[in-house]
Amino acid sequence: MKRKPKITPLITTSSNPAEPVGVRLVLKVPAFGDRWGVKKTTVWKWLKHGMPHLKFSSRNTQIPVAEADQWIKENFLRQREG
């Protein structure tokens, strides 16, 4: 039985004028793992398999949430046909 991922809704509008609308939300590896309900090691495996990410150094890897969510849905949440 597959686990259902915990997906929190993305904020698309902002009432604060200091923050521009459409800012790309990025998370670090542990926070992204918590978002999907998986461990850090699973997120690192996804990164090895080609999940979109921004790597600034060995300790500073950030994941753009919208692109990574789409990648996970395309690669891991497919349903069987028939």
C-alpha atoms as a PDB file:
ATOM      1  CA  MET A   1       0.000   0.000   0.000  1.00  0.00           C
ATOM      2  CA  LYS A   2       1.444   3.359  -1.031  1.00  0.00           C
ATOM      3  CA  ARG A   3       1.744   6.243   1.369  1.00  0.00           C
ATOM      4  CA  LYS A   4      -0.258   9.314   0.467  1.00  0.00           C
ATOM      5  CA  PRO A   5       2.034  12.344   0.423  1.00  0.00           C
ATOM      6  CA  LYS A   6       1.307  15.291   2.660  1.00  0.00           C
ATOM      7  CA  ILE A   7       1.063  18.228   0.305  1.00  0.00           C
ATOM      8  CA  THR A   8       0.621  21.663   1.770  1.00  0.00           C
ATOM      9  CA  PRO A   9      -0.947  24.232  -0.525  1.00  0.00           C
ATOM     10  CA  LEU A  10       1.348  26.805  -2.094  1.00  0.00           C
ATOM     11  CA  ILE A  11       0.673  30.448  -1.428  1.00  0.00           C
ATOM     12  CA  THR A  12       0.085  32.114  -4.783  1.00  0.00           C
ATOM     13  CA  THR A  13      -0.916  35.611  -3.696  1.00  0.00           C
ATOM     14  CA  SER A  14       0.498  37.925  -1.104  1.00  0.00           C
ATOM     15  CA  SER A  15      -1.190  40.693   0.857  1.00  0.00           C
ATOM     16  CA  ASN A  16       2.183  42.094   1.856  1.00  0.00           C
ATOM     17  CA  PRO A  17       3.306  44.650  -0.764  1.00  0.00           C
ATOM     18  CA  ALA A  18       6.976  44.092   0.150  1.00  0.00           C
ATOM     19  CA  GLU A  19       6.787  40.528  -1.217  1.00  0.00           C
ATOM     20  CA  PRO A  20       6.223  40.291  -4.973  1.00  0.00           C
ATOM     21  CA  VAL A  21       3.543  37.890  -6.195  1.00  0.00           C
ATOM     22  CA  GLY A  22       4.898  34.735  -7.800  1.00  0.00           C
ATOM     23  CA  VAL A  23       8.030  34.411  -5.668  1.00  0.00           C
ATOM     24  CA  ARG A  24       9.491  30.950  -6.131  1.00  0.00           C
ATOM     25  CA  LEU A  25       9.185  28.964  -2.903  1.00  0.00           C
ATOM     26  CA  VAL A  26      12.322  26.962  -2.095  1.00  0.00           C
ATOM     27  CA  LEU A  27      12.928  24.572   0.790  1.00  0.00           C
ATOM     28  CA  LYS A  28      15.973  22.814   2.178  1.00  0.00           C
ATOM     29  CA  VAL A  29      16.171  19.018   2.084  1.00  0.00           C
ATOM     30  CA  PRO A  30      14.795  18.252   5.597  1.00  0.00           C
ATOM     31  CA  ALA A  31      11.853  20.636   5.176  1.00  0.00           C
ATOM     32  CA  PHE A  32      11.006  19.155   1.765  1.00  0.00           C
ATOM     33  CA  GLY A  33      11.108  15.657   3.270  1.00  0.00           C
ATOM     34  CA  ASP A  34       8.723  16.741   6.014  1.00  0.00           C
ATOM     35  CA  ARG A  35       6.419  18.197   3.365  1.00  0.00           C
ATOM     36  CA  TRP A  36       6.105  14.818   1.611  1.00  0.00           C
ATOM     37  CA  GLY A  37       6.312  12.709   4.787  1.00  0.00           C
ATOM     38  CA  VAL A  38       9.599  11.001   3.866  1.00  0.00           C
ATOM     39  CA  LYS A  39      13.098  10.922   5.340  1.00  0.00           C
ATOM     40  CA  LYS A  40      16.046  13.059   4.219  1.00  0.00           C
ATOM     41  CA  THR A  41      17.699  10.013   2.655  1.00  0.00           C
ATOM     42  CA  THR A  42      14.713   9.515   0.366  1.00  0.00           C
ATOM     43  CA  VAL A  43      14.921  13.142  -0.767  1.00  0.00           C
ATOM     44  CA  TRP A  44      18.661  12.712  -1.479  1.00  0.00           C
ATOM     45  CA  LYS A  45      17.847   9.625  -3.587  1.00  0.00           C
ATOM     46  CA  TRP A  46      15.275  11.652  -5.538  1.00  0.00           C
ATOM     47  CA  LEU A  47      17.932  14.316  -6.119  1.00  0.00           C
ATOM     48  CA  LYS A  48      20.287  11.648  -7.509  1.00  0.00           C
ATOM     49  CA  HIS A  49      17.527  10.502  -9.884  1.00  0.00           C
ATOM     50  CA  GLY A  50      17.134  13.985 -11.329  1.00  0.00           C
ATOM     51  CA  MET A  51      14.726  15.952  -9.174  1.00  0.00           C
ATOM     52  CA  PRO A  52      15.157  19.714  -9.811  1.00  0.00           C
ATOM     53  CA  HIS A  53      17.302  21.437  -7.183  1.00  0.00           C
ATOM     54  CA  LEU A  54      19.732  24.284  -6.632  1.00  0.00           C
ATOM     55  CA  LYS A  55      23.079  23.240  -5.176  1.00  0.00           C
ATOM     56  CA  PHE A  56      25.154  26.120  -3.831  1.00  0.00           C
ATOM     57  CA  SER A  57      27.531  23.996  -1.720  1.00  0.00           C
ATOM     58  CA  SER A  58      27.632  20.551  -0.133  1.00  0.00           C
ATOM     59  CA  ARG A  59      25.568  21.852   2.796  1.00  0.00           C
ATOM     60  CA  ASN A  60      23.316  24.293   1.001  1.00  0.00           C
ATOM     61  CA  THR A  61      20.983  22.465  -1.356  1.00  0.00           C
ATOM     62  CA  GLN A  62      17.622  24.092  -1.984  1.00  0.00           C
ATOM     63  CA  ILE A  63      14.634  22.606  -3.769  1.00  0.00           C
ATOM     64  CA  PRO A  64      12.147  24.721  -5.774  1.00  0.00           C
ATOM     65  CA  VAL A  65       8.858  23.345  -4.472  1.00  0.00           C
ATOM     66  CA  ALA A  66       6.601  23.757  -7.518  1.00  0.00           C
ATOM     67  CA  GLU A  67       9.067  22.126  -9.930  1.00  0.00           C
ATOM     68  CA  ALA A  68      10.007  19.327  -7.525  1.00  0.00           C
ATOM     69  CA  ASP A  69       6.358  18.540  -6.737  1.00  0.00           C
ATOM     70  CA  GLN A  70       5.638  18.252 -10.451  1.00  0.00           C
ATOM     71  CA  TRP A  71       8.681  15.969 -10.916  1.00  0.00           C
ATOM     72  CA  ILE A  72       7.549  13.672  -8.081  1.00  0.00           C
ATOM     73  CA  LYS A  73       3.994  13.503  -9.451  1.00  0.00           C
ATOM     74  CA  GLU A  74       5.295  12.562 -12.909  1.00  0.00           C
ATOM     75  CA  ASN A  75       7.784   9.941 -11.691  1.00  0.00           C
ATOM     76  CA  PHE A  76       6.303   8.401  -8.555  1.00  0.00           C
ATOM     77  CA  LEU A  77       2.544   8.985  -8.431  1.00  0.00           C
ATOM     78  CA  ARG A  78       1.542   7.212 -11.613  1.00  0.00           C
ATOM     79  CA  GLN A  79      -1.447   4.914 -11.459  1.00  0.00           C
ATOM     80  CA  ARG A  80      -1.665   1.639 -13.290  1.00  0.00           C
ATOM     81  CA  GLU A  81      -3.692   1.599 -16.458  1.00  0.00           C
ATOM     82  CA  GLY A  82      -6.422  -0.965 -16.816  1.00  0.00           C
END
